[in-house]
Amino acid sequence: MTLNPASAQASPSQTLSRGIRALEILADAQRPLTIAELADAMGVHRSVAYRILRTLEDHSLLVRDDAGRVQPGPGLAVLARGVARNLQTAALPELTHLANTLTMSAFVAVWDHEDCVTLVTVDPRHTGATVVQHPGSRHPISAGAPGIAIQSAHSEHEWATAAPRIPYRPEAAEARRRGYAASHDEVIAGVSSLAVPVRVPGGRPAALAVVYIRAAQDPDEVAAALAASARRIETQLG
């Protein structure tokens, strides 16, 4: 039997897809899951989930606790280190500076299909009133300041070419004019966000953002600090 190369390319690996889905479910879970719970979430028989988990466990992508429940493993941290490595390296000092001078959680979000995904985040020292934005958390690009900022790096015509299925928000045109994006109550109830685009050479634009419940600083001053940090990051990226 001869395998058609085109057909092979068009057919995704079901096992690989299920393994990735298992990791996504574990990453979103608020606690370790039993194998039965994970199998239900994946929509597969427990025996299928068990085989997949054994493979992931062999690569330290998940671990089991004393009760046999599963959770993300240290191997994921090793993989995550290589994701947008240059952007993470350039952004981390700026995020630390922003978080501690503004007393806000600061993070970088990247565009992934129809979502924004948090790449790296820093919370301010010496305060308990922060809004945690976990690395790997995602929300629709059509909601929140980071998505508006990413859109604002494009003109409406450019966006229609780059992402024809995602409408260009009027707020993006406004952000493009004034230099920063703002949102309130869009991603997390009661939470506000400010963001600016970061242009990544050879890649899609990202967003540098802060989130807060209430701000003592003027939004324009916060946005100016974000813009200055974004320029320094872009300089580091070349």
Foldseek 3Di string as FASTA:
>chain_A
DDDDPVVVVVDDDPLVVLLVVLLVVQVPDPDFAALVVSCVVSVHDSVSSVVSVVVCVVQQQWDADPVRTIHGGPSVVVVLCPDPVLLCVLQVVLQQVLQAVFVFKKFKWDDDQQKTFTSDIDHYPPDDFYDDDDGGDIDGLLWAFFSLQLLLVDDQVRCCVVRVVDHNDPQSVVCVVVFKGKDACTPPHQKIKIWHWADAVPDRIMIIMTMHNDGPDDPVVSSVSRVVSSVSSNVSND
